N, C-alpha and C. Protein backbone atom coordinates (compact mmCIF):
# COMPACT_ATOMS: atom_id res chain seq x y z
N MET A 1 27.73 33.96 34.97
CA MET A 1 26.49 33.23 34.77
C MET A 1 25.73 33.81 33.59
N ASN A 2 25.00 32.96 32.90
CA ASN A 2 24.23 33.45 31.77
C ASN A 2 22.75 33.50 32.10
N GLU A 3 21.95 34.05 31.18
CA GLU A 3 20.52 34.27 31.44
C GLU A 3 19.74 32.98 31.59
N ARG A 4 20.17 31.93 30.94
CA ARG A 4 19.41 30.68 30.99
C ARG A 4 19.35 30.10 32.39
N GLU A 5 20.33 30.33 33.18
CA GLU A 5 20.32 29.80 34.53
C GLU A 5 19.28 30.48 35.40
N PHE A 6 18.87 31.70 35.05
CA PHE A 6 17.93 32.44 35.86
C PHE A 6 16.50 32.39 35.32
N THR A 7 16.30 31.74 34.17
CA THR A 7 14.97 31.68 33.58
C THR A 7 14.16 30.61 34.26
N VAL A 8 13.02 31.02 34.79
CA VAL A 8 12.12 30.10 35.48
C VAL A 8 10.79 30.16 34.75
N PRO A 9 10.26 29.00 34.33
CA PRO A 9 8.99 29.05 33.63
C PRO A 9 7.86 29.54 34.52
N SER A 10 6.96 30.25 33.92
CA SER A 10 5.79 30.75 34.64
C SER A 10 4.87 29.58 34.96
N LYS A 11 4.10 29.71 36.02
CA LYS A 11 3.16 28.65 36.39
C LYS A 11 2.01 28.55 35.40
N ASN A 12 1.73 29.63 34.69
CA ASN A 12 0.61 29.66 33.75
C ASN A 12 0.93 29.05 32.40
N GLU A 13 2.16 29.10 31.96
CA GLU A 13 2.50 28.56 30.65
C GLU A 13 3.45 27.37 30.80
N PRO A 14 3.18 26.29 30.08
CA PRO A 14 4.05 25.11 30.19
C PRO A 14 5.41 25.38 29.57
N SER A 15 6.41 24.71 30.10
CA SER A 15 7.75 24.84 29.53
C SER A 15 7.82 24.06 28.23
N LYS A 16 8.87 24.28 27.47
CA LYS A 16 9.05 23.56 26.20
C LYS A 16 9.16 22.07 26.43
N SER A 17 9.80 21.67 27.49
CA SER A 17 9.95 20.23 27.77
C SER A 17 8.61 19.60 28.10
N ASP A 18 7.71 20.36 28.77
CA ASP A 18 6.37 19.84 29.06
C ASP A 18 5.59 19.62 27.77
N ALA A 19 5.73 20.53 26.82
CA ALA A 19 5.04 20.39 25.54
C ALA A 19 5.54 19.17 24.78
N VAL A 20 6.83 18.92 24.84
CA VAL A 20 7.40 17.75 24.18
C VAL A 20 6.88 16.48 24.82
N VAL A 21 6.80 16.45 26.15
CA VAL A 21 6.30 15.27 26.86
C VAL A 21 4.83 15.03 26.52
N GLU A 22 4.04 16.09 26.46
CA GLU A 22 2.62 15.96 26.12
C GLU A 22 2.43 15.42 24.72
N SER A 23 3.22 15.91 23.76
CA SER A 23 3.07 15.42 22.39
C SER A 23 3.52 13.97 22.27
N ALA A 24 4.50 13.57 23.07
CA ALA A 24 4.96 12.18 23.06
C ALA A 24 3.92 11.26 23.67
N LYS A 25 3.12 11.78 24.62
CA LYS A 25 2.10 10.97 25.29
C LYS A 25 0.90 10.70 24.39
N LYS A 26 0.68 11.57 23.39
CA LYS A 26 -0.47 11.41 22.51
C LYS A 26 -0.33 10.09 21.75
N VAL A 27 -1.33 9.26 21.85
CA VAL A 27 -1.33 7.96 21.19
C VAL A 27 -2.01 8.12 19.84
N LEU A 28 -1.37 7.62 18.82
CA LEU A 28 -1.92 7.70 17.47
C LEU A 28 -2.98 6.62 17.27
N THR A 29 -4.01 6.98 16.54
CA THR A 29 -4.97 5.95 16.14
C THR A 29 -4.32 5.13 15.03
N GLU A 30 -4.91 4.01 14.70
CA GLU A 30 -4.35 3.16 13.65
C GLU A 30 -4.34 3.90 12.31
N GLU A 31 -5.40 4.65 12.05
CA GLU A 31 -5.47 5.39 10.79
C GLU A 31 -4.39 6.47 10.72
N GLU A 32 -4.17 7.20 11.82
CA GLU A 32 -3.12 8.23 11.86
C GLU A 32 -1.74 7.61 11.67
N ALA A 33 -1.53 6.46 12.29
CA ALA A 33 -0.25 5.77 12.15
C ALA A 33 -0.01 5.33 10.72
N GLN A 34 -1.06 4.84 10.05
CA GLN A 34 -0.92 4.43 8.65
C GLN A 34 -0.61 5.61 7.76
N ILE A 35 -1.24 6.75 8.03
CA ILE A 35 -0.99 7.95 7.22
C ILE A 35 0.45 8.41 7.39
N LYS A 36 0.93 8.41 8.63
CA LYS A 36 2.32 8.81 8.88
C LYS A 36 3.29 7.83 8.22
N GLU A 37 2.97 6.54 8.28
CA GLU A 37 3.84 5.54 7.66
C GLU A 37 3.89 5.73 6.15
N LYS A 38 2.75 6.06 5.55
CA LYS A 38 2.70 6.26 4.11
C LYS A 38 3.54 7.45 3.67
N ALA A 39 3.70 8.42 4.55
CA ALA A 39 4.47 9.61 4.21
C ALA A 39 5.93 9.28 3.92
N PHE A 40 6.42 8.18 4.47
CA PHE A 40 7.81 7.79 4.24
C PHE A 40 8.02 7.22 2.84
N PHE A 41 6.95 6.70 2.23
CA PHE A 41 7.05 6.11 0.91
C PHE A 41 6.62 7.13 -0.13
N GLU A 42 7.57 7.80 -0.72
CA GLU A 42 7.24 8.81 -1.70
C GLU A 42 6.83 8.18 -3.03
N GLU A 43 7.12 6.92 -3.25
CA GLU A 43 6.86 6.29 -4.53
C GLU A 43 5.52 5.58 -4.60
N ASP A 44 4.71 5.68 -3.56
CA ASP A 44 3.42 4.99 -3.58
C ASP A 44 2.57 5.44 -4.76
N GLU A 45 1.88 4.48 -5.34
CA GLU A 45 0.92 4.77 -6.40
C GLU A 45 -0.47 4.81 -5.76
N LYS A 46 -1.32 5.66 -6.27
CA LYS A 46 -2.68 5.76 -5.78
C LYS A 46 -3.61 5.04 -6.74
N VAL A 47 -4.60 4.37 -6.17
CA VAL A 47 -5.61 3.70 -6.98
C VAL A 47 -6.96 3.89 -6.29
N ARG A 48 -7.97 4.18 -7.10
CA ARG A 48 -9.31 4.38 -6.55
C ARG A 48 -10.16 3.18 -6.94
N LEU A 49 -10.73 2.53 -5.93
CA LEU A 49 -11.57 1.36 -6.17
C LEU A 49 -13.03 1.78 -6.29
N ARG A 50 -13.87 0.85 -6.63
CA ARG A 50 -15.30 1.12 -6.83
C ARG A 50 -16.01 1.46 -5.53
N ASP A 51 -15.35 1.30 -4.39
CA ASP A 51 -15.95 1.70 -3.12
C ASP A 51 -15.82 3.21 -2.90
N GLY A 52 -15.16 3.90 -3.84
CA GLY A 52 -15.02 5.34 -3.77
C GLY A 52 -13.81 5.81 -2.97
N LYS A 53 -13.03 4.89 -2.42
CA LYS A 53 -11.87 5.25 -1.60
C LYS A 53 -10.59 5.13 -2.42
N THR A 54 -9.61 5.95 -2.05
CA THR A 54 -8.30 5.91 -2.69
C THR A 54 -7.36 5.11 -1.82
N TYR A 55 -6.63 4.20 -2.43
CA TYR A 55 -5.69 3.34 -1.72
C TYR A 55 -4.28 3.59 -2.25
N TYR A 56 -3.30 3.33 -1.41
CA TYR A 56 -1.90 3.54 -1.77
C TYR A 56 -1.21 2.20 -1.97
N LEU A 57 -0.48 2.05 -3.05
CA LEU A 57 0.26 0.83 -3.34
C LEU A 57 1.75 1.14 -3.25
N PRO A 58 2.45 0.54 -2.28
CA PRO A 58 3.88 0.78 -2.15
C PRO A 58 4.69 -0.23 -2.96
N PRO A 59 5.98 0.03 -3.13
CA PRO A 59 6.83 -1.00 -3.74
C PRO A 59 6.82 -2.25 -2.85
N LEU A 60 6.96 -3.41 -3.46
CA LEU A 60 6.93 -4.67 -2.72
C LEU A 60 8.28 -4.96 -2.07
N GLY A 61 8.24 -5.77 -1.02
CA GLY A 61 9.47 -6.29 -0.44
C GLY A 61 10.07 -7.34 -1.38
N LEU A 62 11.28 -7.74 -1.11
CA LEU A 62 11.97 -8.69 -2.00
C LEU A 62 11.21 -10.00 -2.17
N LYS A 63 10.68 -10.51 -1.06
CA LYS A 63 9.97 -11.80 -1.11
C LYS A 63 8.74 -11.71 -2.02
N ASP A 64 7.95 -10.63 -1.83
CA ASP A 64 6.76 -10.47 -2.66
C ASP A 64 7.10 -10.10 -4.10
N ALA A 65 8.18 -9.35 -4.30
CA ALA A 65 8.59 -9.00 -5.68
C ALA A 65 8.97 -10.27 -6.44
N ARG A 66 9.65 -11.18 -5.77
CA ARG A 66 10.02 -12.45 -6.42
C ARG A 66 8.77 -13.26 -6.75
N LYS A 67 7.83 -13.27 -5.81
CA LYS A 67 6.57 -13.98 -6.02
C LYS A 67 5.79 -13.34 -7.18
N LEU A 68 5.82 -12.00 -7.27
CA LEU A 68 5.14 -11.30 -8.36
C LEU A 68 5.72 -11.69 -9.70
N ILE A 69 7.03 -11.72 -9.81
CA ILE A 69 7.67 -12.10 -11.07
C ILE A 69 7.27 -13.51 -11.47
N THR A 70 7.22 -14.42 -10.51
CA THR A 70 6.82 -15.80 -10.79
C THR A 70 5.37 -15.85 -11.28
N LYS A 71 4.50 -15.11 -10.62
CA LYS A 71 3.07 -15.12 -10.98
C LYS A 71 2.83 -14.43 -12.32
N LEU A 72 3.65 -13.45 -12.66
CA LEU A 72 3.48 -12.77 -13.95
C LEU A 72 3.68 -13.72 -15.12
N ASN A 73 4.40 -14.81 -14.88
CA ASN A 73 4.58 -15.83 -15.92
C ASN A 73 3.33 -16.69 -16.10
N THR A 74 2.44 -16.69 -15.09
CA THR A 74 1.26 -17.55 -15.17
C THR A 74 -0.01 -16.80 -15.53
N ILE A 75 0.00 -15.47 -15.43
CA ILE A 75 -1.20 -14.70 -15.77
C ILE A 75 -0.90 -13.76 -16.93
N ASP A 76 -1.96 -13.24 -17.51
CA ASP A 76 -1.82 -12.30 -18.62
C ASP A 76 -1.99 -10.89 -18.06
N SER A 77 -0.88 -10.16 -17.93
CA SER A 77 -0.96 -8.81 -17.37
C SER A 77 -1.33 -7.78 -18.43
N GLY A 78 -1.26 -8.15 -19.68
CA GLY A 78 -1.61 -7.23 -20.76
C GLY A 78 -3.10 -7.12 -20.98
N ILE A 79 -3.78 -8.24 -20.94
CA ILE A 79 -5.22 -8.28 -21.16
C ILE A 79 -5.85 -8.95 -19.95
N ILE A 80 -6.28 -8.16 -19.00
CA ILE A 80 -6.79 -8.67 -17.73
C ILE A 80 -7.98 -9.60 -17.93
N ILE A 81 -8.83 -9.29 -18.88
CA ILE A 81 -10.03 -10.09 -19.09
C ILE A 81 -9.70 -11.55 -19.46
N ALA A 82 -8.53 -11.78 -20.04
CA ALA A 82 -8.12 -13.14 -20.38
C ALA A 82 -7.99 -14.02 -19.15
N ASN A 83 -7.74 -13.42 -17.99
CA ASN A 83 -7.61 -14.18 -16.75
C ASN A 83 -8.97 -14.55 -16.16
N LEU A 84 -10.03 -13.97 -16.69
CA LEU A 84 -11.37 -14.24 -16.17
C LEU A 84 -12.04 -15.41 -16.87
N ILE A 85 -11.48 -15.84 -17.97
CA ILE A 85 -12.03 -16.98 -18.70
C ILE A 85 -11.86 -18.23 -17.84
N PRO A 86 -12.98 -18.92 -17.52
CA PRO A 86 -12.90 -20.04 -16.59
C PRO A 86 -11.86 -21.09 -16.95
N ASN A 87 -11.82 -21.50 -18.17
CA ASN A 87 -10.82 -22.48 -18.60
C ASN A 87 -10.27 -22.05 -19.95
N ASP A 88 -8.99 -21.80 -20.00
CA ASP A 88 -8.39 -21.44 -21.28
C ASP A 88 -8.08 -22.73 -22.04
N PRO A 89 -7.62 -22.64 -23.29
CA PRO A 89 -7.35 -23.85 -24.08
C PRO A 89 -6.39 -24.83 -23.40
N GLU A 90 -5.52 -24.31 -22.52
CA GLU A 90 -4.58 -25.19 -21.83
C GLU A 90 -5.21 -25.88 -20.63
N GLY A 91 -6.44 -25.47 -20.27
CA GLY A 91 -7.13 -26.11 -19.16
C GLY A 91 -6.80 -25.53 -17.79
N THR A 92 -6.20 -24.35 -17.74
CA THR A 92 -5.86 -23.76 -16.45
C THR A 92 -6.74 -22.54 -16.17
N ASP A 93 -7.06 -22.35 -14.93
CA ASP A 93 -7.85 -21.21 -14.48
C ASP A 93 -6.91 -20.23 -13.80
N ARG A 94 -6.78 -19.03 -14.36
CA ARG A 94 -5.82 -18.05 -13.85
C ARG A 94 -6.46 -17.00 -12.96
N TYR A 95 -7.73 -17.10 -12.70
CA TYR A 95 -8.45 -16.10 -11.92
C TYR A 95 -7.87 -15.94 -10.52
N HIS A 96 -7.60 -17.05 -9.86
CA HIS A 96 -7.08 -16.99 -8.48
C HIS A 96 -5.64 -16.45 -8.46
N GLU A 97 -4.90 -16.74 -9.50
CA GLU A 97 -3.55 -16.17 -9.61
C GLU A 97 -3.62 -14.65 -9.73
N LEU A 98 -4.58 -14.17 -10.51
CA LEU A 98 -4.78 -12.73 -10.66
C LEU A 98 -5.12 -12.10 -9.31
N LEU A 99 -6.03 -12.71 -8.56
CA LEU A 99 -6.39 -12.18 -7.25
C LEU A 99 -5.20 -12.17 -6.30
N ASP A 100 -4.37 -13.21 -6.35
CA ASP A 100 -3.16 -13.25 -5.51
C ASP A 100 -2.25 -12.07 -5.82
N VAL A 101 -2.07 -11.79 -7.09
CA VAL A 101 -1.20 -10.68 -7.49
C VAL A 101 -1.79 -9.35 -7.02
N LEU A 102 -3.09 -9.15 -7.21
CA LEU A 102 -3.72 -7.92 -6.77
C LEU A 102 -3.62 -7.76 -5.25
N MET A 103 -3.77 -8.84 -4.53
CA MET A 103 -3.68 -8.79 -3.06
C MET A 103 -2.28 -8.35 -2.60
N MET A 104 -1.25 -8.73 -3.34
CA MET A 104 0.12 -8.34 -2.97
C MET A 104 0.26 -6.83 -2.90
N GLY A 105 -0.41 -6.11 -3.77
CA GLY A 105 -0.31 -4.66 -3.79
C GLY A 105 -0.90 -4.00 -2.56
N PHE A 106 -1.92 -4.62 -1.97
CA PHE A 106 -2.62 -4.03 -0.83
C PHE A 106 -2.09 -4.54 0.51
N LYS A 107 -1.38 -5.64 0.50
CA LYS A 107 -0.93 -6.30 1.72
C LYS A 107 -0.15 -5.41 2.69
N PRO A 108 0.80 -4.59 2.23
CA PRO A 108 1.59 -3.83 3.20
C PRO A 108 0.79 -2.84 4.05
N TYR A 109 -0.20 -2.18 3.47
CA TYR A 109 -0.94 -1.15 4.19
C TYR A 109 -2.31 -1.58 4.68
N TYR A 110 -2.90 -2.53 3.99
CA TYR A 110 -4.30 -2.86 4.26
C TYR A 110 -4.42 -4.35 4.61
N SER A 111 -4.04 -4.68 5.82
CA SER A 111 -4.05 -6.08 6.24
C SER A 111 -5.46 -6.66 6.29
N TRP A 112 -6.47 -5.81 6.35
CA TRP A 112 -7.85 -6.27 6.40
C TRP A 112 -8.40 -6.64 5.02
N MET A 113 -7.69 -6.28 3.97
CA MET A 113 -8.15 -6.51 2.60
C MET A 113 -8.24 -8.01 2.32
N THR A 114 -9.30 -8.40 1.64
CA THR A 114 -9.50 -9.81 1.30
C THR A 114 -9.71 -9.95 -0.21
N PRO A 115 -9.49 -11.15 -0.75
CA PRO A 115 -9.77 -11.38 -2.17
C PRO A 115 -11.24 -11.11 -2.50
N GLU A 116 -12.14 -11.42 -1.56
CA GLU A 116 -13.56 -11.19 -1.79
C GLU A 116 -13.86 -9.70 -1.93
N TYR A 117 -13.16 -8.88 -1.16
CA TYR A 117 -13.34 -7.43 -1.25
C TYR A 117 -12.88 -6.93 -2.62
N LEU A 118 -11.74 -7.44 -3.06
CA LEU A 118 -11.24 -7.04 -4.38
C LEU A 118 -12.17 -7.50 -5.48
N GLU A 119 -12.73 -8.70 -5.35
CA GLU A 119 -13.68 -9.19 -6.36
C GLU A 119 -14.87 -8.23 -6.49
N GLU A 120 -15.28 -7.67 -5.37
CA GLU A 120 -16.43 -6.78 -5.35
C GLU A 120 -16.11 -5.38 -5.87
N TYR A 121 -14.91 -4.85 -5.55
CA TYR A 121 -14.65 -3.43 -5.79
C TYR A 121 -13.55 -3.12 -6.81
N VAL A 122 -13.03 -4.12 -7.49
CA VAL A 122 -12.04 -3.87 -8.55
C VAL A 122 -12.66 -4.25 -9.88
N ASP A 123 -12.62 -3.32 -10.83
CA ASP A 123 -13.11 -3.63 -12.17
C ASP A 123 -11.91 -3.92 -13.08
N LEU A 124 -12.18 -4.21 -14.34
CA LEU A 124 -11.11 -4.59 -15.27
C LEU A 124 -10.09 -3.48 -15.45
N GLU A 125 -10.57 -2.26 -15.60
CA GLU A 125 -9.67 -1.12 -15.79
C GLU A 125 -8.78 -0.91 -14.56
N THR A 126 -9.37 -0.99 -13.38
CA THR A 126 -8.61 -0.79 -12.15
C THR A 126 -7.63 -1.94 -11.93
N ALA A 127 -8.01 -3.15 -12.28
CA ALA A 127 -7.09 -4.29 -12.16
C ALA A 127 -5.85 -4.06 -13.03
N LYS A 128 -6.07 -3.57 -14.24
CA LYS A 128 -4.95 -3.26 -15.14
C LYS A 128 -4.07 -2.16 -14.54
N GLN A 129 -4.71 -1.13 -13.98
CA GLN A 129 -3.98 -0.03 -13.35
C GLN A 129 -3.13 -0.54 -12.17
N ILE A 130 -3.70 -1.42 -11.36
CA ILE A 130 -2.97 -1.98 -10.21
C ILE A 130 -1.78 -2.80 -10.69
N MET A 131 -2.01 -3.64 -11.70
CA MET A 131 -0.92 -4.46 -12.24
C MET A 131 0.21 -3.60 -12.79
N ASP A 132 -0.15 -2.58 -13.58
CA ASP A 132 0.86 -1.69 -14.15
C ASP A 132 1.63 -0.95 -13.06
N ALA A 133 0.91 -0.53 -12.02
CA ALA A 133 1.56 0.17 -10.91
C ALA A 133 2.55 -0.75 -10.20
N MET A 134 2.15 -1.98 -9.96
CA MET A 134 3.03 -2.93 -9.27
C MET A 134 4.27 -3.24 -10.10
N ILE A 135 4.08 -3.41 -11.38
CA ILE A 135 5.22 -3.69 -12.26
C ILE A 135 6.15 -2.48 -12.34
N GLY A 136 5.57 -1.29 -12.42
CA GLY A 136 6.37 -0.07 -12.49
C GLY A 136 7.08 0.27 -11.19
N LEU A 137 6.37 0.15 -10.07
CA LEU A 137 6.94 0.48 -8.77
C LEU A 137 8.14 -0.39 -8.43
N ASN A 138 8.10 -1.61 -8.86
CA ASN A 138 9.14 -2.56 -8.48
C ASN A 138 10.23 -2.68 -9.52
N GLY A 139 10.19 -1.84 -10.54
CA GLY A 139 11.25 -1.83 -11.53
C GLY A 139 11.30 -3.08 -12.40
N ILE A 140 10.19 -3.80 -12.48
CA ILE A 140 10.18 -5.04 -13.25
C ILE A 140 10.24 -4.74 -14.74
N LYS A 141 9.60 -3.66 -15.19
CA LYS A 141 9.65 -3.30 -16.62
C LYS A 141 11.08 -3.03 -17.04
N LYS A 142 11.83 -2.34 -16.16
CA LYS A 142 13.20 -1.97 -16.48
C LYS A 142 14.11 -3.19 -16.56
N SER A 143 13.82 -4.19 -15.73
CA SER A 143 14.71 -5.35 -15.68
C SER A 143 14.36 -6.42 -16.70
N MET A 144 13.20 -6.31 -17.34
CA MET A 144 12.79 -7.34 -18.30
C MET A 144 13.31 -7.03 -19.69
């Protein structure tokens, strides 16, 4: 017989299996779960909005990446301010297309995010940073 068969846990200290069960019982808050989920994505880009908070932008899924490529043909990703002009010479308004693209970056982690929130807390410089991050994260620059 070996020593492990004779080892009996003391009544004062929990056994290792009790500690494992206790940690498994702990329920994560939504914020803790999001932080743990973000840890799996090493490629996330960080962006700070005018609300003073830092947000993480992950690579897009295939469906959204395809949608991003399509939308990049309709908006000007080089000069963000060009998308704010109400009517360009061709008669199209690209503002809502720009908001759709920006929303794609926040969708995976921040389901509460709305276009109205982005209108309030994203400036021109940050919009450009978000666009560049999305294009870079998804390898679109490399494939173009």
